Amino acid sequence: MRLPRPRTLTRATLAGALVATLTGLGVTAQADQVTPGNFTGYAFDQCLTPTQKSMDTWMEHSPFSAVGIYISGDSRACRNQPNLTPTWVSKQLANGWRLLPITLGPQANCLDRFPRYSDDKVIKKSSANNYAKAQKQARKEAKKAVAAAQALGIDAGSTLWYDLEGFDLKNTVCRDSAMWFLHGWTTQIHALGYVSGVYSSAGSGIKMLDDARVKTPGKYALPDRLWVARWDGNANLEAPGYLRSDGWMPHARVKQYRGGHNETWGGVTINIDSNYLSLGKGTTAKAEKPKCKEKVTVSLPSYPKLKPGTTNVAAARALQCLLRKQKVYSGPINGALDQKTLTAANAFRTRNNLAPKKAFNRAGWVTLLAQGAKTPVLKHGSKGAPVRRLQRALTAANQQSVPASGVFDARTEAAVKQWQRKVKVPASGVVNTATWRLLLAGRLK
């Protein structure tokens, strides 16, 4: 990985927040919002915290919904973080960003790259089977990280990540001192009411932690979550040969699958590492309430063209229910495409700048299914009613079923890209303001 709003918290408050996070309750009210909460999706990290303008542009155009930020640690490459303020943090949380706060403090003592400066430290080597000095260093570093998090307004229950850069796993003293250091980090992070995360390379720190989990269970306090650096280009959570399939699963892993490179979204270029993550419970959506009192199913495997006298009762009932929601139809939900239903359908079409038709066609379905009070930016990891509207509209637009789960998953992302290619716009997989405009216009090509 390349590299004030203090608050007084009682022990009960800290413990409650920690328990809530560890049991996967995720994001609470805005005034007490843990991060990253329950989420499955994409993240980027950069040495220097991006500007507000860059963050706003990337939220609108990039596939990323989470960002790694370096909040503490004397070994950070970017010690000076002019953009990282309590206001910046609160704005990102309000705008839907998930934050991954990182500390890069003392590093393994067998690394020739550290200490980086004249006043940073490496992990102490002294041993008494528990490396007491290394643990003391770690506790100090954890306290500094929590103080930095609190000053920025990052609430208790959030995950704080320790960045342990790659080292020689065969060096016994180096490995053992690093292991006890991370034990101390996790113990102190828990005591202060936060969730412990560790970032490291798959072949060193991650393998060390997973081996400790399997070979010496109970000896060390292990982190709650792992951030695996494995630059294989695969946006998944796997690191075969280094991290066993049952470790930190499900929903306790981040994978950095691509190292430093430039990406440009919305005209803004940032040099980033790319990550895929699934934390907490992953992204989940609440069950949907019926849209009509008759409990009509509006999520269909296809949305066919409907003509007067249609025999597709399910599709006609869905049409009548949705037209009622748009306040253009007040008749019965009987599945008959009669004149009253067709008149209502054309009233809806006219209101949305579509020409009246003698049948309800696919463009009409796309426009109708996309309707809603809110048109937020949606991308991999988004959830809720707007996602269901999108999934139904995509089913109609692509003539391929996208389950209306309310979770923007890989299948939804692929369907968005397929439709974007059809209508000849950049296939980003992101549904932003411009994308909603096209969906609401019923664009098919």
Protein backbone atom coordinates (compact mmCIF):
# COMPACT_ATOMS: atom_id res chain seq x y z
CA MET A 1 0.00 0.00 0.00
CA ARG A 2 1.49 3.34 -1.01
CA LEU A 3 1.40 5.18 0.84
CA PRO A 4 -10.75 18.77 15.68
CA ARG A 5 -13.67 17.02 16.79
CA PRO A 6 -12.64 15.11 19.92
CA ARG A 7 -15.39 13.44 21.90
CA THR A 8 -15.62 11.98 25.37
CA LEU A 9 -16.71 8.36 25.28
CA THR A 10 -17.67 6.26 28.28
CA ARG A 11 -16.58 2.66 28.53
CA ALA A 12 -20.20 1.55 28.13
CA THR A 13 -20.59 3.62 24.98
CA LEU A 14 -17.36 2.29 23.51
CA ALA A 15 -18.21 -1.29 24.35
CA GLY A 16 -21.70 -0.93 22.91
CA ALA A 17 -20.38 0.51 19.67
CA LEU A 18 -17.78 -2.24 19.38
CA VAL A 19 -20.32 -5.00 19.99
CA ALA A 20 -22.66 -3.45 17.44
CA THR A 21 -19.96 -3.49 14.79
CA LEU A 22 -18.61 -6.90 15.58
CA THR A 23 -22.11 -8.35 15.29
CA GLY A 24 -22.47 -6.68 11.91
CA LEU A 25 -25.08 -4.05 12.70
CA GLY A 26 -23.24 -1.58 10.49
CA VAL A 27 -24.11 2.05 9.93
CA THR A 28 -26.26 3.75 12.53
CA ALA A 29 -27.58 7.31 12.53
CA GLN A 30 -25.48 9.98 10.83
CA ALA A 31 -24.45 11.46 14.19
CA ASP A 32 -22.98 8.11 15.27
CA GLN A 33 -21.91 6.42 12.06
CA VAL A 34 -19.41 3.59 12.12
CA THR A 35 -17.38 3.03 9.00
CA PRO A 36 -17.21 1.07 6.76
CA GLY A 37 -20.26 -0.70 8.22
CA ASN A 38 -21.94 -3.46 6.19
CA PHE A 39 -20.61 -3.24 2.66
CA THR A 40 -19.47 -5.25 -0.36
CA GLY A 41 -17.93 -3.28 -3.20
CA TYR A 42 -14.89 -1.39 -4.47
CA ALA A 43 -12.42 0.87 -2.68
CA PHE A 44 -9.37 2.88 -3.63
CA ASP A 45 -6.54 4.19 -1.53
CA GLN A 46 -4.02 6.93 -2.16
CA CYS A 47 -1.12 8.26 -0.15
CA LEU A 48 -2.51 11.82 -0.09
CA THR A 49 -6.15 12.33 0.86
CA PRO A 50 -7.95 13.63 -2.28
CA THR A 51 -9.59 17.05 -2.46
CA GLN A 52 -13.33 17.46 -1.95
CA LYS A 53 -13.79 18.21 -5.64
CA SER A 54 -12.02 14.98 -6.60
CA MET A 55 -14.12 12.97 -4.14
CA ASP A 56 -17.36 14.47 -5.45
CA THR A 57 -16.39 13.75 -9.05
CA TRP A 58 -15.35 10.18 -8.28
CA MET A 59 -18.55 9.48 -6.36
CA GLU A 60 -20.52 10.53 -9.44
CA HIS A 61 -18.42 8.70 -12.04
CA SER A 62 -16.14 6.02 -10.55
CA PRO A 63 -17.06 2.48 -9.43
CA PHE A 64 -15.57 3.16 -5.98
CA SER A 65 -17.64 3.70 -2.82
CA ALA A 66 -14.90 3.37 -0.19
CA VAL A 67 -11.56 5.11 0.28
CA GLY A 68 -8.46 4.37 2.34
CA ILE A 69 -7.05 7.38 4.20
CA TYR A 70 -3.81 7.63 6.21
CA ILE A 71 -4.80 9.17 9.53
CA SER A 72 -1.74 8.43 11.70
CA GLY A 73 1.71 6.83 11.96
CA ASP A 74 5.17 8.36 11.83
CA SER A 75 6.24 6.10 8.93
CA ARG A 76 3.59 7.41 6.54
CA ALA A 77 4.98 8.55 3.21
CA CYS A 78 2.44 11.40 3.27
CA ARG A 79 2.75 12.76 6.79
CA ASN A 80 1.22 16.08 5.79
CA GLN A 81 -2.48 15.63 4.96
CA PRO A 82 -3.86 19.12 4.23
CA ASN A 83 -7.21 17.81 2.95
CA LEU A 84 -7.87 15.45 5.86
CA THR A 85 -10.03 17.40 8.31
CA PRO A 86 -13.14 16.69 10.42
CA THR A 87 -15.16 18.58 7.80
CA TRP A 88 -13.74 16.39 5.01
CA VAL A 89 -14.61 13.23 6.97
CA SER A 90 -18.16 14.34 7.75
CA LYS A 91 -18.77 15.33 4.12
CA GLN A 92 -17.59 11.98 2.78
CA LEU A 93 -19.77 10.05 5.22
CA ALA A 94 -22.76 12.24 4.35
CA ASN A 95 -22.11 11.65 0.64
CA GLY A 96 -22.08 7.87 1.06
CA TRP A 97 -18.36 7.15 1.11
CA ARG A 98 -17.09 4.35 3.37
CA LEU A 99 -13.79 5.24 5.04
CA LEU A 100 -10.85 2.91 5.73
CA PRO A 101 -8.62 4.79 8.24
CA ILE A 102 -5.01 3.58 8.06
CA THR A 103 -2.07 3.84 10.46
CA LEU A 104 1.49 3.28 9.24
CA GLY A 105 3.67 3.29 12.33
CA PRO A 106 6.61 1.06 13.38
CA GLN A 107 7.48 -1.54 10.75
CA ALA A 108 9.13 -4.95 10.86
CA ASN A 109 12.75 -4.71 11.99
CA CYS A 110 14.12 -6.69 9.03
CA LEU A 111 13.01 -4.15 6.41
CA ASP A 112 15.76 -2.01 4.91
CA ARG A 113 13.21 0.66 3.89
CA PHE A 114 12.45 1.53 7.52
CA PRO A 115 12.87 3.64 9.50
CA ARG A 116 11.84 6.03 6.75
CA TYR A 117 12.80 9.21 8.60
CA SER A 118 15.10 10.12 11.45
CA ASP A 119 12.30 10.16 14.02
CA ASP A 120 10.21 7.07 13.23
CA LYS A 121 10.75 3.65 14.79
CA VAL A 122 10.85 -0.01 13.84
CA ILE A 123 9.31 -2.80 15.91
CA LYS A 124 11.58 -3.72 18.82
CA LYS A 125 13.33 -7.10 18.72
CA SER A 126 13.73 -7.83 22.44
CA SER A 127 12.17 -11.14 23.39
CA ALA A 128 10.80 -12.78 26.50
CA ASN A 129 8.51 -15.13 24.60
CA ASN A 130 5.95 -12.34 24.41
CA TYR A 131 8.00 -9.40 23.09
CA ALA A 132 6.78 -7.01 25.79
CA LYS A 133 8.51 -3.99 24.25
CA ALA A 134 6.92 -4.62 20.86
CA GLN A 135 3.52 -4.88 22.52
CA LYS A 136 4.12 -1.65 24.41
CA GLN A 137 4.95 0.06 21.10
CA ALA A 138 1.76 -1.29 19.58
CA ARG A 139 -0.44 -0.10 22.44
CA LYS A 140 1.04 3.36 22.10
CA GLU A 141 0.41 3.32 18.36
CA ALA A 142 -3.18 2.18 18.85
CA LYS A 143 -3.84 5.01 21.29
CA LYS A 144 -2.45 7.51 18.78
CA ALA A 145 -4.61 6.03 16.02
CA VAL A 146 -7.77 6.25 18.14
CA ALA A 147 -6.97 9.82 19.13
CA ALA A 148 -6.51 10.72 15.46
CA ALA A 149 -9.76 8.97 14.54
CA GLN A 150 -11.71 10.74 17.28
CA ALA A 151 -10.23 14.12 16.31
CA LEU A 152 -11.49 13.52 12.76
CA GLY A 153 -14.92 12.41 13.92
CA ILE A 154 -14.49 8.72 13.09
CA ASP A 155 -16.76 7.03 15.59
CA ALA A 156 -16.12 4.18 17.98
CA GLY A 157 -17.07 0.88 16.39
CA SER A 158 -15.28 1.84 13.16
CA THR A 159 -12.45 -0.29 11.82
CA LEU A 160 -8.92 1.11 12.19
CA TRP A 161 -6.32 -0.52 9.96
CA TYR A 162 -2.65 -1.08 10.74
CA ASP A 163 -0.43 -1.10 7.66
CA LEU A 164 2.38 -3.64 8.12
CA GLU A 165 4.45 -3.57 4.96
CA GLY A 166 5.90 -6.77 3.48
CA PHE A 167 8.86 -8.35 5.31
CA ASP A 168 10.96 -11.53 5.38
CA LEU A 169 8.69 -14.15 6.91
CA LYS A 170 11.64 -16.54 7.31
CA ASN A 171 13.37 -14.16 9.74
CA THR A 172 12.13 -15.63 13.04
CA VAL A 173 12.87 -12.65 15.31
CA CYS A 174 11.42 -10.24 12.77
CA ARG A 175 8.31 -12.34 12.33
CA ASP A 176 7.70 -12.98 16.04
CA SER A 177 8.17 -9.35 17.04
CA ALA A 178 5.74 -8.30 14.28
CA MET A 179 3.22 -10.92 15.44
CA TRP A 180 3.32 -9.72 19.05
CA PHE A 181 3.14 -6.12 17.88
CA LEU A 182 -0.12 -6.87 16.05
CA HIS A 183 -1.36 -8.72 19.12
CA GLY A 184 -0.78 -5.53 21.13
CA TRP A 185 -2.43 -3.40 18.46
CA THR A 186 -5.59 -5.51 18.41
CA THR A 187 -5.81 -5.74 22.20
CA GLN A 188 -5.56 -1.97 22.63
CA ILE A 189 -7.85 -1.14 19.71
CA HIS A 190 -10.52 -3.34 21.27
CA ALA A 191 -10.02 -1.76 24.68
CA LEU A 192 -10.67 1.66 23.14
CA GLY A 193 -13.89 0.58 21.45
CA TYR A 194 -12.80 0.24 17.83
CA VAL A 195 -12.50 -2.72 15.47
CA SER A 196 -9.03 -4.03 14.60
CA GLY A 197 -7.94 -4.39 10.99
CA VAL A 198 -4.53 -5.27 9.57
CA TYR A 199 -3.22 -4.61 6.07
CA SER A 200 -0.21 -6.56 4.82
CA SER A 201 1.15 -8.47 1.86
CA ALA A 202 -0.30 -11.91 1.26
CA GLY A 203 3.12 -13.56 1.48
CA SER A 204 4.23 -12.02 4.78
CA GLY A 205 1.88 -10.44 7.33
CA ILE A 206 -1.29 -12.12 6.05
CA LYS A 207 0.24 -15.60 5.91
CA MET A 208 1.74 -15.02 9.36
CA LEU A 209 -1.65 -14.14 10.84
CA ASP A 210 -3.46 -17.01 9.15
CA ASP A 211 -0.82 -19.49 10.26
CA ALA A 212 -1.19 -18.19 13.82
CA ARG A 213 -4.96 -18.64 13.59
CA VAL A 214 -4.60 -22.29 12.53
CA LYS A 215 -1.39 -23.47 14.24
CA THR A 216 -1.51 -21.62 17.58
CA PRO A 217 -5.19 -20.85 18.21
CA GLY A 218 -5.78 -18.66 21.25
CA LYS A 219 -2.16 -17.58 21.64
CA TYR A 220 -2.57 -14.16 20.05
CA ALA A 221 -5.33 -11.59 19.81
CA LEU A 222 -6.02 -11.67 16.09
CA PRO A 223 -7.44 -8.74 14.10
CA ASP A 224 -11.14 -8.76 13.32
CA ARG A 225 -10.53 -8.00 9.66
CA LEU A 226 -7.76 -8.50 7.11
CA TRP A 227 -6.72 -6.33 4.18
CA VAL A 228 -4.73 -8.53 1.80
CA ALA A 229 -2.26 -7.08 -0.69
CA ARG A 230 -2.34 -9.56 -3.58
CA TRP A 231 -1.81 -7.83 -6.93
CA ASP A 232 -3.19 -10.52 -9.20
CA GLY A 233 -5.71 -8.26 -10.95
CA ASN A 234 -8.68 -10.28 -9.70
CA ALA A 235 -11.32 -8.25 -7.89
CA ASN A 236 -12.24 -10.93 -5.39
CA LEU A 237 -11.34 -11.86 -1.81
CA GLU A 238 -9.04 -14.79 -2.54
CA ALA A 239 -5.32 -15.24 -1.89
CA PRO A 240 -4.74 -18.97 -2.39
CA GLY A 241 -1.54 -20.33 -0.92
CA TYR A 242 -1.38 -17.52 1.63
CA LEU A 243 -4.82 -17.19 3.22
CA ARG A 244 -6.97 -20.26 3.79
CA SER A 245 -10.52 -20.16 2.47
CA ASP A 246 -12.11 -20.32 5.95
CA GLY A 247 -10.12 -17.50 7.53
CA TRP A 248 -11.85 -14.17 8.12
CA MET A 249 -14.90 -15.31 6.22
CA PRO A 250 -17.54 -14.31 5.46
CA HIS A 251 -17.35 -10.54 5.22
CA ALA A 252 -14.10 -9.80 7.06
CA ARG A 253 -11.71 -9.31 4.14
CA VAL A 254 -10.43 -6.58 1.86
CA LYS A 255 -8.23 -7.45 -1.09
CA GLN A 256 -5.93 -4.98 -2.76
CA TYR A 257 -5.86 -6.56 -6.21
CA ARG A 258 -3.96 -3.88 -8.14
CA GLY A 259 -1.09 -1.66 -7.10
CA GLY A 260 -0.26 1.94 -7.97
CA HIS A 261 -1.71 3.16 -11.27
CA ASN A 262 -3.58 6.17 -12.64
CA GLU A 263 -7.33 6.11 -13.12
CA THR A 264 -9.43 8.92 -14.59
CA TRP A 265 -13.11 9.35 -13.79
CA GLY A 266 -15.12 12.42 -14.73
CA GLY A 267 -11.94 14.08 -15.96
CA VAL A 268 -10.17 13.71 -12.59
CA THR A 269 -7.04 11.54 -12.48
CA ILE A 270 -5.76 9.99 -9.23
CA ASN A 271 -2.91 7.55 -8.70
CA ILE A 272 -4.47 4.72 -6.68
CA ASP A 273 -4.39 1.13 -5.49
CA SER A 274 -7.58 -0.81 -6.27
CA ASN A 275 -9.41 -2.92 -3.69
CA TYR A 276 -12.44 -5.18 -3.36
CA LEU A 277 -14.03 -5.61 0.06
CA SER A 278 -16.81 -7.37 1.90
CA LEU A 279 -17.20 -6.37 5.56
CA GLY A 280 -19.77 -6.55 8.35
CA LYS A 281 -22.70 -8.40 6.80
CA GLY A 282 -21.78 -7.32 3.30
CA THR A 283 -24.36 -5.26 1.43
CA THR A 284 -27.89 -6.35 2.28
CA ALA A 285 -31.31 -4.85 1.55
CA LYS A 286 -34.55 -4.92 3.52
CA ALA A 287 -37.48 -6.87 2.15
CA GLU A 288 -39.69 -4.83 -0.15
CA LYS A 289 -43.24 -3.94 0.81
CA PRO A 290 -46.03 -4.56 -1.75
CA LYS A 291 -46.61 -1.58 -4.02
CA CYS A 292 -50.36 -2.15 -4.19
CA LYS A 293 -52.82 -3.42 -1.58
CA GLU A 294 -53.61 -6.33 -3.92
CA LYS A 295 -49.99 -7.50 -3.36
CA VAL A 296 -49.15 -7.46 -7.03
CA THR A 297 -45.78 -8.80 -8.16
CA VAL A 298 -44.04 -6.04 -10.09
CA SER A 299 -40.67 -7.84 -10.32
CA LEU A 300 -41.08 -9.95 -13.45
CA PRO A 301 -38.56 -12.03 -15.43
CA SER A 302 -39.54 -10.00 -18.51
CA TYR A 303 -41.70 -7.02 -19.42
CA PRO A 304 -43.40 -7.74 -22.76
CA LYS A 305 -45.15 -5.38 -25.11
CA LEU A 306 -48.79 -5.26 -24.00
CA LYS A 307 -51.64 -4.85 -26.51
CA PRO A 308 -55.38 -4.57 -25.84
CA GLY A 309 -56.76 -8.03 -25.16
CA THR A 310 -53.42 -9.30 -23.81
CA THR A 311 -53.37 -12.67 -22.10
CA ASN A 312 -50.29 -11.84 -20.01
CA VAL A 313 -52.22 -11.23 -16.82
CA ALA A 314 -49.14 -10.92 -14.56
CA ALA A 315 -47.57 -8.19 -16.71
CA ALA A 316 -50.89 -6.34 -17.08
CA ARG A 317 -51.47 -6.43 -13.32
CA ALA A 318 -47.94 -5.09 -12.75
CA LEU A 319 -48.64 -2.29 -15.25
CA GLN A 320 -51.90 -1.35 -13.55
CA CYS A 321 -50.27 -1.35 -10.11
CA LEU A 322 -47.38 0.83 -11.24
CA LEU A 323 -49.68 3.24 -13.06
CA ARG A 324 -51.71 3.57 -9.89
CA LYS A 325 -48.52 4.47 -8.03
CA GLN A 326 -48.01 7.21 -10.61
CA LYS A 327 -51.55 8.48 -9.90
CA VAL A 328 -52.74 8.12 -13.49
CA TYR A 329 -54.86 4.99 -12.97
CA SER A 330 -57.62 4.39 -10.44
CA GLY A 331 -59.27 1.26 -11.84
CA PRO A 332 -59.12 -2.32 -10.62
CA ILE A 333 -55.98 -4.48 -10.71
CA ASN A 334 -57.59 -7.13 -12.89
CA GLY A 335 -54.88 -7.94 -15.44
CA ALA A 336 -57.00 -6.77 -18.36
CA LEU A 337 -55.45 -4.19 -20.68
CA ASP A 338 -58.74 -2.39 -21.33
CA GLN A 339 -59.26 1.12 -22.64
CA LYS A 340 -59.10 2.68 -19.18
CA THR A 341 -55.71 1.08 -18.55
CA LEU A 342 -54.39 2.09 -21.99
CA THR A 343 -55.61 5.66 -21.50
CA ALA A 344 -53.77 5.81 -18.18
CA ALA A 345 -50.65 4.35 -19.79
CA ASN A 346 -50.71 7.03 -22.48
CA ALA A 347 -51.25 9.74 -19.87
CA PHE A 348 -48.11 8.49 -18.18
CA ARG A 349 -46.22 8.38 -21.49
CA THR A 350 -47.25 11.94 -22.36
CA ARG A 351 -46.20 13.19 -18.93
CA ASN A 352 -42.76 11.70 -19.56
CA ASN A 353 -42.35 13.03 -23.11
CA LEU A 354 -43.09 9.71 -24.79
CA ALA A 355 -45.55 9.60 -27.72
CA PRO A 356 -48.90 7.89 -27.06
CA LYS A 357 -49.14 4.32 -28.41
CA LYS A 358 -51.82 1.74 -29.05
CA ALA A 359 -49.79 -0.67 -26.94
CA PHE A 360 -47.46 -0.37 -23.97
CA ASN A 361 -43.99 -1.03 -25.34
CA ARG A 362 -40.53 -1.71 -23.91
CA ALA A 363 -39.46 1.96 -23.78
CA GLY A 364 -42.57 2.68 -21.74
CA TRP A 365 -41.70 -0.12 -19.34
CA VAL A 366 -38.15 1.20 -18.84
CA THR A 367 -39.45 4.69 -18.08
CA LEU A 368 -42.18 3.40 -15.76
CA LEU A 369 -39.95 0.99 -13.85
CA ALA A 370 -37.26 3.63 -13.31
CA GLN A 371 -39.71 6.10 -11.71
CA GLY A 372 -39.07 7.21 -8.14
CA ALA A 373 -38.64 10.21 -5.89
CA LYS A 374 -34.88 9.74 -5.63
CA THR A 375 -32.26 9.12 -8.29
CA PRO A 376 -29.06 8.66 -6.27
CA VAL A 377 -25.73 7.54 -7.70
CA LEU A 378 -25.77 3.75 -7.72
CA LYS A 379 -22.83 1.40 -8.09
CA HIS A 380 -21.55 -1.96 -6.87
CA GLY A 381 -22.46 -2.10 -3.18
CA SER A 382 -25.49 0.22 -3.30
CA LYS A 383 -28.77 -1.02 -1.87
CA GLY A 384 -32.43 -0.18 -1.40
CA ALA A 385 -35.50 0.82 -3.39
CA PRO A 386 -33.63 2.78 -6.11
CA VAL A 387 -31.57 -0.34 -6.85
CA ARG A 388 -34.74 -2.41 -7.29
CA ARG A 389 -36.12 0.20 -9.68
CA LEU A 390 -32.87 0.04 -11.62
CA GLN A 391 -32.87 -3.76 -11.74
CA ARG A 392 -36.42 -3.88 -13.11
CA ALA A 393 -35.68 -1.19 -15.68
CA LEU A 394 -32.59 -3.12 -16.81
CA THR A 395 -34.64 -6.30 -17.16
CA ALA A 396 -36.95 -4.43 -19.52
CA ALA A 397 -34.16 -2.61 -21.37
CA ASN A 398 -31.87 -5.61 -21.94
CA GLN A 399 -34.62 -8.23 -22.26
CA GLN A 400 -32.66 -10.29 -19.75
CA SER A 401 -33.77 -10.89 -16.19
CA VAL A 402 -31.94 -9.07 -13.40
CA PRO A 403 -33.30 -10.20 -10.01
CA ALA A 404 -34.78 -7.23 -8.12
CA SER A 405 -32.86 -8.01 -4.92
CA GLY A 406 -32.26 -4.40 -3.95
CA VAL A 407 -28.50 -5.08 -3.83
CA PHE A 408 -26.27 -3.72 -6.59
CA ASP A 409 -24.16 -6.83 -7.16
CA ALA A 410 -21.88 -8.10 -9.92
CA ARG A 411 -24.83 -9.23 -12.03
CA THR A 412 -26.43 -5.81 -11.81
CA GLU A 413 -23.14 -4.13 -12.67
CA ALA A 414 -22.79 -6.32 -15.76
CA ALA A 415 -26.36 -5.48 -16.82
CA VAL A 416 -25.69 -1.76 -16.41
CA LYS A 417 -22.59 -2.02 -18.60
CA GLN A 418 -24.51 -4.02 -21.22
CA TRP A 419 -27.22 -1.35 -21.41
CA GLN A 420 -24.66 1.48 -21.43
CA ARG A 421 -22.95 -0.07 -24.43
CA LYS A 422 -26.32 -0.33 -26.21
CA VAL A 423 -27.08 3.35 -25.72
CA LYS A 424 -23.50 4.27 -26.63
CA VAL A 425 -22.29 5.85 -23.38
CA PRO A 426 -19.13 4.87 -21.44
CA ALA A 427 -19.69 1.43 -19.89
CA SER A 428 -18.64 2.39 -16.36
CA GLY A 429 -21.20 0.28 -14.52
CA VAL A 430 -22.12 3.40 -12.54
CA VAL A 431 -25.65 4.81 -12.56
CA ASN A 432 -25.24 8.55 -12.09
CA THR A 433 -27.32 11.62 -12.92
CA ALA A 434 -26.81 11.28 -16.67
CA THR A 435 -27.60 7.56 -16.59
CA TRP A 436 -30.86 8.07 -14.70
CA ARG A 437 -31.86 10.69 -17.26
CA LEU A 438 -31.50 8.14 -20.07
CA LEU A 439 -33.36 5.44 -18.16
CA LEU A 440 -36.23 7.79 -17.36
CA ALA A 441 -36.39 8.67 -21.07
CA GLY A 442 -36.76 4.97 -21.93
CA ARG A 443 -33.58 4.82 -24.02
CA LEU A 444 -32.97 1.41 -25.63
CA LYS A 445 -30.27 2.19 -28.15
